[in-house]
């Protein structure tokens, strides 16, 4: 059913930028809020950013507020995460997901690795 394919990660120096993409299918994309999560080594998965249906509003974790920006293109069934001023503590595997009434979908993609290091 639900398929989520993340891409765009890589190795970047502190202060650099990356743009992550998530291609979604198997559901009516425009009806759902979409989210980005991340999981660093030895840590639990944490919510990074959320964008509501039609992009009416966005929310960010305090740790990334002012540096990251979430957006969506409903015509392409794609959600993006623009990451600027990257820090080593941003290093993690980044995942997207849809947000239902009980939380994220049980269908997780493979994620995309972001490594911030000099």
Protein backbone atom coordinates (compact mmCIF):
# COMPACT_ATOMS: atom_id res chain seq x y z
CA UNK A 1 0.00 0.00 0.00
CA UNK A 2 1.92 3.02 1.29
CA UNK A 3 5.34 3.51 -0.28
CA UNK A 4 7.84 6.17 0.79
CA UNK A 5 11.19 6.64 -0.95
CA UNK A 6 13.67 9.10 0.56
CA UNK A 7 16.65 10.51 -1.32
CA UNK A 8 19.12 13.39 -1.34
CA UNK A 9 21.31 12.58 1.65
CA UNK A 10 25.08 12.60 1.66
CA UNK A 11 28.22 13.95 3.28
CA UNK A 12 28.38 17.70 3.88
CA UNK A 13 30.66 20.02 5.87
CA UNK A 14 29.38 21.97 8.87
CA UNK A 15 27.54 25.06 7.67
CA UNK A 16 26.59 23.41 4.40
CA UNK A 17 23.19 22.61 2.92
CA UNK A 18 21.26 19.62 1.60
CA UNK A 19 17.79 19.12 0.17
CA UNK A 20 16.04 15.83 0.92
CA UNK A 21 13.16 14.47 -1.15
CA UNK A 22 10.47 11.90 -0.36
CA UNK A 23 8.39 10.38 -3.14
CA UNK A 24 5.08 8.99 -1.85
CA UNK A 25 2.53 6.62 -3.36
CA UNK A 26 -0.31 4.29 -2.36
CA UNK A 27 -2.54 6.91 -0.74
CA UNK A 28 -4.21 10.23 -1.47
CA UNK A 29 -1.17 12.36 -0.80
CA UNK A 30 -2.89 15.75 -0.74
CA UNK A 31 -5.18 14.73 2.14
CA UNK A 32 -2.40 14.01 4.63
CA UNK A 33 0.01 15.94 6.76
CA UNK A 34 3.56 14.83 6.02
CA UNK A 35 6.51 14.59 8.38
CA UNK A 36 10.27 14.17 8.52
CA UNK A 37 11.89 12.12 11.28
CA UNK A 38 15.52 11.35 11.98
CA UNK A 39 17.40 8.70 13.93
CA UNK A 40 20.98 9.17 15.04
CA UNK A 41 23.22 6.28 16.15
CA UNK A 42 22.18 5.00 19.58
CA UNK A 43 19.17 7.31 19.77
CA UNK A 44 15.44 6.94 19.25
CA UNK A 45 13.69 8.28 16.19
CA UNK A 46 12.66 11.92 16.65
CA UNK A 47 10.22 14.18 14.85
CA UNK A 48 11.95 16.94 12.89
CA UNK A 49 9.26 18.74 10.88
CA UNK A 50 5.60 18.56 9.87
CA UNK A 51 3.63 20.14 7.05
CA UNK A 52 -0.16 20.03 6.97
CA UNK A 53 -2.45 19.25 4.07
CA UNK A 54 -2.22 21.98 1.41
CA UNK A 55 0.79 23.39 3.25
CA UNK A 56 -1.41 25.48 5.52
CA UNK A 57 1.07 25.33 8.39
CA UNK A 58 4.45 23.91 9.38
CA UNK A 59 6.07 22.89 12.65
CA UNK A 60 9.69 22.22 13.55
CA UNK A 61 11.69 20.74 16.37
CA UNK A 62 13.44 23.42 18.40
CA UNK A 63 16.81 21.99 17.40
CA UNK A 64 16.25 22.74 13.70
CA UNK A 65 13.96 25.77 13.79
CA UNK A 66 15.31 28.57 11.62
CA UNK A 67 17.65 26.22 9.74
CA UNK A 68 15.35 23.62 8.15
CA UNK A 69 12.32 24.18 5.92
CA UNK A 70 9.70 21.60 4.95
CA UNK A 71 7.63 21.94 1.77
CA UNK A 72 5.44 19.82 -0.47
CA UNK A 73 4.43 19.50 -4.12
CA UNK A 74 1.08 17.72 -4.30
CA UNK A 75 1.27 17.46 -8.10
CA UNK A 76 4.40 15.33 -7.68
CA UNK A 77 3.35 13.52 -4.47
CA UNK A 78 6.62 14.70 -2.97
CA UNK A 79 7.66 16.30 0.30
CA UNK A 80 11.01 18.08 0.73
CA UNK A 81 13.28 19.06 3.58
CA UNK A 82 15.69 21.92 2.90
CA UNK A 83 18.50 21.83 5.46
CA UNK A 84 20.79 24.84 5.88
CA UNK A 85 23.55 25.70 8.35
CA UNK A 86 24.05 22.03 9.07
CA UNK A 87 25.72 20.94 12.30
CA UNK A 88 27.44 17.67 13.22
CA UNK A 89 24.55 16.88 15.57
CA UNK A 90 22.24 16.78 12.53
CA UNK A 91 23.96 13.55 11.47
CA UNK A 92 21.27 10.86 11.24
CA UNK A 93 19.18 8.73 8.93
CA UNK A 94 16.23 10.83 7.79
CA UNK A 95 12.79 9.34 7.14
CA UNK A 96 9.54 10.75 5.83
CA UNK A 97 6.05 9.53 6.69
CA UNK A 98 2.41 10.48 6.49
CA UNK A 99 0.62 11.52 9.66
CA UNK A 100 -2.68 9.82 10.44
CA UNK A 101 -5.07 10.35 13.32
CA UNK A 102 -3.06 7.97 15.53
CA UNK A 103 0.40 9.06 14.44
CA UNK A 104 2.77 8.06 11.63
CA UNK A 105 2.02 5.24 9.24
CA UNK A 106 3.50 1.82 9.98
CA UNK A 107 5.05 1.89 6.50
CA UNK A 108 8.57 3.30 6.75
CA UNK A 109 10.92 3.80 3.84
CA UNK A 110 14.62 3.01 3.75
CA UNK A 111 15.62 6.49 4.86
CA UNK A 112 18.51 8.58 3.58
CA UNK A 113 21.79 9.10 5.44
CA UNK A 114 22.94 12.63 6.27
CA UNK A 115 26.46 13.01 7.61
CA UNK A 116 27.78 16.42 8.70
CA UNK A 117 31.53 16.33 9.24
CA UNK A 118 34.69 18.20 8.35
